[in-house]
PDB file of N, CA and C in Angstrom:
ATOM      1  N   MET A   1       0.844  -1.171   0.000  1.00  0.00           N
ATOM      2  CA  MET A   1       0.000   0.000   0.000  1.00  0.00           C
ATOM      3  C   MET A   1       0.894   1.241   0.000  1.00  0.00           C
ATOM      4  N   ALA A   2       0.677   2.118  -0.962  1.00  0.00           N
ATOM      5  CA  ALA A   2       1.471   3.340  -1.067  1.00  0.00           C
ATOM      6  C   ALA A   2       1.043   4.350  -0.009  1.00  0.00           C
ATOM      7  N   LYS A   3       1.980   5.218   0.341  1.00  0.00           N
ATOM      8  CA  LYS A   3       1.663   6.259   1.309  1.00  0.00           C
ATOM      9  C   LYS A   3       0.641   7.216   0.699  1.00  0.00           C
ATOM     10  N   GLU A   4      -0.197   7.770   1.535  1.00  0.00           N
ATOM     11  CA  GLU A   4      -1.227   8.706   1.056  1.00  0.00           C
ATOM     12  C   GLU A   4      -0.595   9.927   0.412  1.00  0.00           C
ATOM     13  N   SER A   5       0.578  10.329   0.909  1.00  0.00           N
ATOM     14  CA  SER A   5       1.245  11.507   0.348  1.00  0.00           C
ATOM     15  C   SER A   5       1.677  11.254  -1.098  1.00  0.00           C
ATOM     16  N   MET A   6       2.063  10.015  -1.408  1.00  0.00           N
ATOM     17  CA  MET A   6       2.465   9.696  -2.780  1.00  0.00           C
ATOM     18  C   MET A   6       1.268   9.721  -3.715  1.00  0.00           C
ATOM     19  N   LYS A   7       0.149   9.191  -3.237  1.00  0.00           N
ATOM     20  CA  LYS A   7      -1.075   9.224  -4.050  1.00  0.00           C
ATOM     21  C   LYS A   7      -1.509  10.663  -4.280  1.00  0.00           C
ATOM     22  N   ALA A   8      -1.448  11.485  -3.231  1.00  0.00           N
ATOM     23  CA  ALA A   8      -1.849  12.887  -3.333  1.00  0.00           C
ATOM     24  C   ALA A   8      -0.941  13.646  -4.291  1.00  0.00           C
ATOM     25  N   ARG A   9       0.340  13.316  -4.279  1.00  0.00           N
ATOM     26  CA  ARG A   9       1.287  13.975  -5.172  1.00  0.00           C
ATOM     27  C   ARG A   9       0.961  13.679  -6.630  1.00  0.00           C
ATOM     28  N   GLU A  10       0.588  12.434  -6.917  1.00  0.00           N
ATOM     29  CA  GLU A  10       0.219  12.063  -8.288  1.00  0.00           C
ATOM     30  C   GLU A  10      -1.047  12.788  -8.736  1.00  0.00           C
ATOM     31  N   VAL A  11      -2.016  12.927  -7.830  1.00  0.00           N
ATOM     32  CA  VAL A  11      -3.252  13.640  -8.154  1.00  0.00           C
ATOM     33  C   VAL A  11      -2.948  15.103  -8.441  1.00  0.00           C
ATOM     34  N   LYS A  12      -2.070  15.689  -7.653  1.00  0.00           N
ATOM     35  CA  LYS A  12      -1.683  17.093  -7.826  1.00  0.00           C
ATOM     36  C   LYS A  12      -1.001  17.288  -9.183  1.00  0.00           C
ATOM     37  N   ARG A  13      -0.119  16.352  -9.539  1.00  0.00           N
ATOM     38  CA  ARG A  13       0.564  16.433 -10.831  1.00  0.00           C
ATOM     39  C   ARG A  13      -0.439  16.338 -11.978  1.00  0.00           C
ATOM     40  N   ALA A  14      -1.403  15.436 -11.856  1.00  0.00           N
ATOM     41  CA  ALA A  14      -2.408  15.263 -12.917  1.00  0.00           C
ATOM     42  C   ALA A  14      -3.217  16.542 -13.114  1.00  0.00           C
ATOM     43  N   LYS A  15      -3.544  17.222 -12.017  1.00  0.00           N
ATOM     44  CA  LYS A  15      -4.290  18.486 -12.114  1.00  0.00           C
ATOM     45  C   LYS A  15      -3.457  19.554 -12.801  1.00  0.00           C
ATOM     46  N   LEU A  16      -2.162  19.620 -12.482  1.00  0.00           N
ATOM     47  CA  LEU A  16      -1.283  20.608 -13.113  1.00  0.00           C
ATOM     48  C   LEU A  16      -1.133  20.335 -14.602  1.00  0.00           C
ATOM     49  N   VAL A  17      -1.014  19.071 -14.973  1.00  0.00           N
ATOM     50  CA  VAL A  17      -0.888  18.705 -16.385  1.00  0.00           C
ATOM     51  C   VAL A  17      -2.123  19.165 -17.147  1.00  0.00           C
ATOM     52  N   GLU A  18      -3.290  18.916 -16.560  1.00  0.00           N
ATOM     53  CA  GLU A  18      -4.545  19.311 -17.199  1.00  0.00           C
ATOM     54  C   GLU A  18      -4.662  20.828 -17.306  1.00  0.00           C
ATOM     55  N   LYS A  19      -4.237  21.525 -16.270  1.00  0.00           N
ATOM     56  CA  LYS A  19      -4.351  22.983 -16.222  1.00  0.00           C
ATOM     57  C   LYS A  19      -3.495  23.657 -17.301  1.00  0.00           C
ATOM     58  N   TYR A  20      -2.282  23.147 -17.482  1.00  0.00           N
ATOM     59  CA  TYR A  20      -1.333  23.791 -18.397  1.00  0.00           C
ATOM     60  C   TYR A  20      -1.265  23.133 -19.772  1.00  0.00           C
ATOM     61  N   ALA A  21      -2.116  22.181 -20.066  1.00  0.00           N
ATOM     62  CA  ALA A  21      -2.036  21.442 -21.336  1.00  0.00           C
ATOM     63  C   ALA A  21      -2.176  22.361 -22.550  1.00  0.00           C
ATOM     64  N   ALA A  22      -3.175  23.228 -22.528  1.00  0.00           N
ATOM     65  CA  ALA A  22      -3.404  24.119 -23.679  1.00  0.00           C
ATOM     66  C   ALA A  22      -2.244  25.101 -23.843  1.00  0.00           C
ATOM     67  N   LYS A  23      -1.807  25.674 -22.744  1.00  0.00           N
ATOM     68  CA  LYS A  23      -0.708  26.641 -22.800  1.00  0.00           C
ATOM     69  C   LYS A  23       0.570  25.968 -23.278  1.00  0.00           C
ATOM     70  N   ARG A  24       0.820  24.761 -22.798  1.00  0.00           N
ATOM     71  CA  ARG A  24       2.010  23.998 -23.194  1.00  0.00           C
ATOM     72  C   ARG A  24       1.976  23.704 -24.697  1.00  0.00           C
ATOM     73  N   ALA A  25       0.803  23.307 -25.201  1.00  0.00           N
ATOM     74  CA  ALA A  25       0.668  23.003 -26.631  1.00  0.00           C
ATOM     75  C   ALA A  25       0.899  24.251 -27.478  1.00  0.00           C
ATOM     76  N   GLN A  26       0.386  25.388 -27.020  1.00  0.00           N
ATOM     77  CA  GLN A  26       0.560  26.646 -27.755  1.00  0.00           C
ATOM     78  C   GLN A  26       2.040  27.042 -27.800  1.00  0.00           C
ATOM     79  N   LEU A  27       2.708  26.976 -26.666  1.00  0.00           N
ATOM     80  CA  LEU A  27       4.133  27.331 -26.612  1.00  0.00           C
ATOM     81  C   LEU A  27       4.967  26.382 -27.467  1.00  0.00           C
ATOM     82  N   LYS A  28       4.599  25.110 -27.459  1.00  0.00           N
ATOM     83  CA  LYS A  28       5.330  24.120 -28.247  1.00  0.00           C
ATOM     84  C   LYS A  28       5.155  24.368 -29.740  1.00  0.00           C
ATOM     85  N   ALA A  29       3.929  24.738 -30.138  1.00  0.00           N
ATOM     86  CA  ALA A  29       3.649  25.015 -31.545  1.00  0.00           C
ATOM     87  C   ALA A  29       4.428  26.240 -32.024  1.00  0.00           C
ATOM     88  N   ASP A  30       4.592  27.233 -31.147  1.00  0.00           N
ATOM     89  CA  ASP A  30       5.327  28.448 -31.489  1.00  0.00           C
ATOM     90  C   ASP A  30       6.834  28.252 -31.409  1.00  0.00           C
ATOM     91  N   GLY A  31       7.272  27.160 -30.794  1.00  0.00           N
ATOM     92  CA  GLY A  31       8.700  26.912 -30.633  1.00  0.00           C
ATOM     93  C   GLY A  31       9.318  27.757 -29.526  1.00  0.00           C
ATOM     94  N   ASP A  32       8.498  28.210 -28.600  1.00  0.00           N
ATOM     95  CA  ASP A  32       8.969  29.061 -27.496  1.00  0.00           C
ATOM     96  C   ASP A  32       9.441  28.183 -26.335  1.00  0.00           C
ATOM     97  N   TYR A  33      10.698  27.745 -26.414  1.00  0.00           N
ATOM     98  CA  TYR A  33      11.227  26.836 -25.402  1.00  0.00           C
ATOM     99  C   TYR A  33      11.569  27.555 -24.101  1.00  0.00           C
ATOM    100  N   ILE A  34      11.806  28.833 -24.179  1.00  0.00           N
ATOM    101  CA  ILE A  34      12.042  29.605 -22.956  1.00  0.00           C
ATOM    102  C   ILE A  34      10.738  29.710 -22.167  1.00  0.00           C
ATOM    103  N   GLY A  35       9.636  29.946 -22.870  1.00  0.00           N
ATOM    104  CA  GLY A  35       8.326  29.988 -22.220  1.00  0.00           C
ATOM    105  C   GLY A  35       7.953  28.646 -21.626  1.00  0.00           C
ATOM    106  N   LEU A  36       8.305  27.573 -22.328  1.00  0.00           N
ATOM    107  CA  LEU A  36       8.044  26.223 -21.819  1.00  0.00           C
ATOM    108  C   LEU A  36       8.828  25.961 -20.536  1.00  0.00           C
ATOM    109  N   SER A  37      10.060  26.448 -20.501  1.00  0.00           N
ATOM    110  CA  SER A  37      10.888  26.201 -19.318  1.00  0.00           C
ATOM    111  C   SER A  37      10.399  26.985 -18.102  1.00  0.00           C
ATOM    112  N   ARG A  38       9.604  28.008 -18.322  1.00  0.00           N
ATOM    113  CA  ARG A  38       9.065  28.801 -17.213  1.00  0.00           C
ATOM    114  C   ARG A  38       7.819  28.183 -16.587  1.00  0.00           C
ATOM    115  N   LEU A  39       7.239  27.208 -17.268  1.00  0.00           N
ATOM    116  CA  LEU A  39       6.075  26.515 -16.700  1.00  0.00           C
ATOM    117  C   LEU A  39       6.529  25.630 -15.539  1.00  0.00           C
ATOM    118  N   PRO A  40       5.620  25.291 -14.625  1.00  0.00           N
ATOM    119  CA  PRO A  40       6.004  24.410 -13.522  1.00  0.00           C
ATOM    120  C   PRO A  40       6.466  23.045 -14.034  1.00  0.00           C
ATOM    121  N   ARG A  41       7.445  22.472 -13.364  1.00  0.00           N
ATOM    122  CA  ARG A  41       7.979  21.175 -13.784  1.00  0.00           C
ATOM    123  C   ARG A  41       6.906  20.097 -13.796  1.00  0.00           C
ATOM    124  N   ASN A  42       6.074  20.098 -12.779  1.00  0.00           N
ATOM    125  CA  ASN A  42       5.069  19.043 -12.664  1.00  0.00           C
ATOM    126  C   ASN A  42       3.916  19.197 -13.655  1.00  0.00           C
ATOM    127  N   SER A  43       3.951  20.240 -14.488  1.00  0.00           N
ATOM    128  CA  SER A  43       2.912  20.377 -15.504  1.00  0.00           C
ATOM    129  C   SER A  43       3.262  19.592 -16.765  1.00  0.00           C
ATOM    130  N   ASN A  44       4.424  18.962 -16.771  1.00  0.00           N
ATOM    131  CA  ASN A  44       4.849  18.148 -17.903  1.00  0.00           C
ATOM    132  C   ASN A  44       4.248  16.742 -17.768  1.00  0.00           C
ATOM    133  N   PRO A  45       3.527  16.253 -18.780  1.00  0.00           N
ATOM    134  CA  PRO A  45       2.878  14.939 -18.673  1.00  0.00           C
ATOM    135  C   PRO A  45       3.859  13.774 -18.500  1.00  0.00           C
ATOM    136  N   ILE A  46       5.126  13.971 -18.845  1.00  0.00           N
ATOM    137  CA  ILE A  46       6.133  12.923 -18.683  1.00  0.00           C
ATOM    138  C   ILE A  46       6.311  12.572 -17.209  1.00  0.00           C
ATOM    139  N   ARG A  47       6.053  13.531 -16.326  1.00  0.00           N
ATOM    140  CA  ARG A  47       6.288  13.318 -14.898  1.00  0.00           C
ATOM    141  C   ARG A  47       5.173  12.516 -14.216  1.00  0.00           C
ATOM    142  N   LEU A  48       4.094  12.225 -14.950  1.00  0.00           N
ATOM    143  CA  LEU A  48       3.024  11.401 -14.389  1.00  0.00           C
ATOM    144  C   LEU A  48       3.468   9.943 -14.347  1.00  0.00           C
ATOM    145  N   HIS A  49       2.980   9.225 -13.366  1.00  0.00           N
ATOM    146  CA  HIS A  49       3.321   7.804 -13.246  1.00  0.00           C
ATOM    147  C   HIS A  49       2.039   7.033 -12.987  1.00  0.00           C
ATOM    148  N   ASN A  50       1.838   5.949 -13.715  1.00  0.00           N
ATOM    149  CA  ASN A  50       0.646   5.125 -13.511  1.00  0.00           C
ATOM    150  C   ASN A  50       0.702   4.457 -12.148  1.00  0.00           C
ATOM    151  N   ARG A  51      -0.407   4.507 -11.423  1.00  0.00           N
ATOM    152  CA  ARG A  51      -0.508   3.864 -10.123  1.00  0.00           C
ATOM    153  C   ARG A  51      -1.814   3.108 -10.038  1.00  0.00           C
ATOM    154  N   CYS A  52      -1.816   2.031  -9.258  1.00  0.00           N
ATOM    155  CA  CYS A  52      -3.025   1.256  -9.005  1.00  0.00           C
ATOM    156  C   CYS A  52      -4.056   2.165  -8.343  1.00  0.00           C
ATOM    157  N   ARG A  53      -5.288   2.129  -8.830  1.00  0.00           N
ATOM    158  CA  ARG A  53      -6.336   2.988  -8.283  1.00  0.00           C
ATOM    159  C   ARG A  53      -6.736   2.597  -6.869  1.00  0.00           C
ATOM    160  N   ILE A  54      -6.512   1.356  -6.511  1.00  0.00           N
ATOM    161  CA  ILE A  54      -6.947   0.869  -5.202  1.00  0.00           C
ATOM    162  C   ILE A  54      -5.822   0.969  -4.172  1.00  0.00           C
ATOM    163  N   THR A  55      -4.649   0.432  -4.505  1.00  0.00           N
ATOM    164  CA  THR A  55      -3.561   0.394  -3.528  1.00  0.00           C
ATOM    165  C   THR A  55      -2.531   1.499  -3.713  1.00  0.00           C
ATOM    166  N   GLY A  56      -2.452   2.072  -4.917  1.00  0.00           N
ATOM    167  CA  GLY A  56      -1.451   3.097  -5.182  1.00  0.00           C
ATOM    168  C   GLY A  56      -0.107   2.533  -5.590  1.00  0.00           C
ATOM    169  N   ARG A  57      -0.038   1.226  -5.794  1.00  0.00           N
ATOM    170  CA  ARG A  57       1.221   0.572  -6.160  1.00  0.00           C
ATOM    171  C   ARG A  57       1.689   1.059  -7.535  1.00  0.00           C
ATOM    172  N   PRO A  58       2.970   1.516  -7.655  1.00  0.00           N
ATOM    173  CA  PRO A  58       3.445   2.052  -8.925  1.00  0.00           C
ATOM    174  C   PRO A  58       3.957   0.989  -9.901  1.00  0.00           C
ATOM    175  N   LYS A  59       4.329  -0.181  -9.396  1.00  0.00           N
ATOM    176  CA  LYS A  59       4.897  -1.221 -10.265  1.00  0.00           C
ATOM    177  C   LYS A  59       3.865  -2.309 -10.529  1.00  0.00           C
ATOM    178  N   GLY A  60       4.010  -2.983 -11.657  1.00  0.00           N
ATOM    179  CA  GLY A  60       3.096  -4.068 -12.014  1.00  0.00           C
ATOM    180  C   GLY A  60       1.720  -3.547 -12.377  1.00  0.00           C
ATOM    181  N   TYR A  61       1.671  -2.358 -12.979  1.00  0.00           N
ATOM    182  CA  TYR A  61       0.404  -1.709 -13.325  1.00  0.00           C
ATOM    183  C   TYR A  61      -0.138  -2.288 -14.628  1.00  0.00           C
ATOM    184  N   MET A  62      -1.412  -2.676 -14.628  1.00  0.00           N
ATOM    185  CA  MET A  62      -2.059  -3.192 -15.836  1.00  0.00           C
ATOM    186  C   MET A  62      -2.940  -2.081 -16.406  1.00  0.00           C
ATOM    187  N   ARG A  63      -2.498  -1.516 -17.507  1.00  0.00           N
ATOM    188  CA  ARG A  63      -3.132  -0.335 -18.077  1.00  0.00           C
ATOM    189  C   ARG A  63      -4.596  -0.582 -18.466  1.00  0.00           C
ATOM    190  N   GLN A  64      -4.894  -1.758 -18.976  1.00  0.00           N
ATOM    191  CA  GLN A  64      -6.243  -2.070 -19.443  1.00  0.00           C
ATOM    192  C   GLN A  64      -7.263  -2.020 -18.306  1.00  0.00           C
ATOM    193  N   PHE A  65      -6.827  -2.356 -17.095  1.00  0.00           N
ATOM    194  CA  PHE A  65      -7.750  -2.422 -15.961  1.00  0.00           C
ATOM    195  C   PHE A  65      -7.527  -1.309 -14.944  1.00  0.00           C
ATOM    196  N   GLY A  66      -6.385  -0.649 -14.980  1.00  0.00           N
ATOM    197  CA  GLY A  66      -6.107   0.457 -14.067  1.00  0.00           C
ATOM    198  C   GLY A  66      -5.721   0.033 -12.665  1.00  0.00           C
ATOM    199  N   VAL A  67      -5.339  -1.227 -12.504  1.00  0.00           N
ATOM    200  CA  VAL A  67      -4.934  -1.724 -11.191  1.00  0.00           C
ATOM    201  C   VAL A  67      -3.618  -2.497 -11.321  1.00  0.00           C
ATOM    202  N   SER A  68      -2.983  -2.783 -10.178  1.00  0.00           N
ATOM    203  CA  SER A  68      -1.736  -3.541 -10.192  1.00  0.00           C
ATOM    204  C   SER A  68      -2.033  -5.022 -10.421  1.00  0.00           C
ATOM    205  N   ARG A  69      -1.009  -5.781 -10.730  1.00  0.00           N
ATOM    206  CA  ARG A  69      -1.165  -7.200 -11.010  1.00  0.00           C
ATOM    207  C   ARG A  69      -1.699  -7.957  -9.798  1.00  0.00           C
ATOM    208  N   ILE A  70      -1.293  -7.530  -8.605  1.00  0.00           N
ATOM    209  CA  ILE A  70      -1.723  -8.205  -7.384  1.00  0.00           C
ATOM    210  C   ILE A  70      -3.210  -7.970  -7.142  1.00  0.00           C
ATOM    211  N   THR A  71      -3.621  -6.715  -7.267  1.00  0.00           N
ATOM    212  CA  THR A  71      -5.034  -6.364  -7.087  1.00  0.00           C
ATOM    213  C   THR A  71      -5.887  -7.027  -8.161  1.00  0.00           C
ATOM    214  N   PHE A  72      -5.351  -7.060  -9.397  1.00  0.00           N
ATOM    215  CA  PHE A  72      -6.074  -7.703 -10.497  1.00  0.00           C
ATOM    216  C   PHE A  72      -6.334  -9.169 -10.190  1.00  0.00           C
ATOM    217  N   ARG A  73      -5.312  -9.851  -9.693  1.00  0.00           N
ATOM    218  CA  ARG A  73      -5.448 -11.287  -9.389  1.00  0.00           C
ATOM    219  C   ARG A  73      -6.490 -11.522  -8.304  1.00  0.00           C
ATOM    220  N   GLU A  74      -6.464 -10.692  -7.270  1.00  0.00           N
ATOM    221  CA  GLU A  74      -7.444 -10.827  -6.187  1.00  0.00           C
ATOM    222  C   GLU A  74      -8.863 -10.575  -6.691  1.00  0.00           C
ATOM    223  N   MET A  75      -9.020  -9.527  -7.509  1.00  0.00           N
ATOM    224  CA  MET A  75     -10.342  -9.180  -8.031  1.00  0.00           C
ATOM    225  C   MET A  75     -10.852 -10.243  -9.004  1.00  0.00           C
ATOM    226  N   ALA A  76      -9.953 -10.774  -9.852  1.00  0.00           N
ATOM    227  CA  ALA A  76     -10.352 -11.792 -10.813  1.00  0.00           C
ATOM    228  C   ALA A  76     -10.760 -13.075 -10.094  1.00  0.00           C
ATOM    229  N   SER A  77     -10.041 -13.444  -9.054  1.00  0.00           N
ATOM    230  CA  SER A  77     -10.369 -14.650  -8.292  1.00  0.00           C
ATOM    231  C   SER A  77     -11.709 -14.512  -7.575  1.00  0.00           C
ATOM    232  N   ALA A  78     -12.021 -13.290  -7.160  1.00  0.00           N
ATOM    233  CA  ALA A  78     -13.287 -13.038  -6.466  1.00  0.00           C
ATOM    234  C   ALA A  78     -14.443 -12.840  -7.444  1.00  0.00           C
ATOM    235  N   GLY A  79     -14.129 -12.825  -8.751  1.00  0.00           N
ATOM    236  CA  GLY A  79     -15.172 -12.663  -9.762  1.00  0.00           C
ATOM    237  C   GLY A  79     -15.658 -11.236  -9.902  1.00  0.00           C
ATOM    238  N   LEU A  80     -14.823 -10.259  -9.558  1.00  0.00           N
ATOM    239  CA  LEU A  80     -15.217  -8.852  -9.616  1.00  0.00           C
ATOM    240  C   LEU A  80     -14.951  -8.203 -10.968  1.00  0.00           C
ATOM    241  N   ILE A  81     -14.197  -8.898 -11.832  1.00  0.00           N
ATOM    242  CA  ILE A  81     -13.898  -8.361 -13.157  1.00  0.00           C
ATOM    243  C   ILE A  81     -14.661  -9.201 -14.182  1.00  0.00           C
ATOM    244  N   PRO A  82     -15.640  -8.606 -14.873  1.00  0.00           N
ATOM    245  CA  PRO A  82     -16.437  -9.379 -15.823  1.00  0.00           C
ATOM    246  C   PRO A  82     -15.614  -9.888 -17.005  1.00  0.00           C
ATOM    247  N   GLY A  83     -15.852 -11.109 -17.391  1.00  0.00           N
ATOM    248  CA  GLY A  83     -15.197 -11.702 -18.543  1.00  0.00           C
ATOM    249  C   GLY A  83     -13.822 -12.264 -18.266  1.00  0.00           C
ATOM    250  N   VAL A  84     -13.364 -12.232 -17.035  1.00  0.00           N
ATOM    251  CA  VAL A  84     -12.046 -12.741 -16.694  1.00  0.00           C
ATOM    252  C   VAL A  84     -12.189 -13.941 -15.797  1.00  0.00           C
ATOM    253  N   LYS A  85     -11.514 -15.034 -16.175  1.00  0.00           N
ATOM    254  CA  LYS A  85     -11.515 -16.210 -15.298  1.00  0.00           C
ATOM    255  C   LYS A  85     -10.150 -16.862 -15.347  1.00  0.00           C
ATOM    256  N   LYS A  86      -9.836 -17.616 -14.358  1.00  0.00           N
ATOM    257  CA  LYS A  86      -8.533 -18.260 -14.240  1.00  0.00           C
ATOM    258  C   LYS A  86      -8.380 -19.334 -15.316  1.00  0.00           C
ATOM    259  N   ALA A  87      -7.234 -19.301 -15.978  1.00  0.00           N
ATOM    260  CA  ALA A  87      -6.975 -20.287 -17.023  1.00  0.00           C
ATOM    261  C   ALA A  87      -6.707 -21.645 -16.415  1.00  0.00           C
ATOM    262  N   SER A  88      -7.154 -22.681 -17.102  1.00  0.00           N
ATOM    263  CA  SER A  88      -6.927 -24.047 -16.637  1.00  0.00           C
ATOM    264  C   SER A  88      -6.861 -24.964 -17.862  1.00  0.00           C
ATOM    265  N   TRP A  89      -5.796 -25.794 -17.951  1.00  0.00           N
ATOM    266  CA  TRP A  89      -5.690 -26.714 -19.076  1.00  0.00           C
ATOM    267  C   TRP A  89      -4.967 -27.970 -18.710  1.00  0.00           C
TER     268      TRP A  89
END
């Protein structure tokens, strides 16, 4: 389980990215790299990191489901994810 401060930091970064997206695109189109460098660092989408929505785990993230591999396995075993079942052969 990730610390609450780490989850909050990711949410804050996502809000900054959304806030400055239009301005960043305009500056990039104009080629104004000095203006781009004056924007906050965390407004750059590269600084975002995928995290599990439930536990906040940064590694083993499954993009299709938005959760980590561990959470996915628990949810799939409990039948909480439609269309997913354990393979057996």
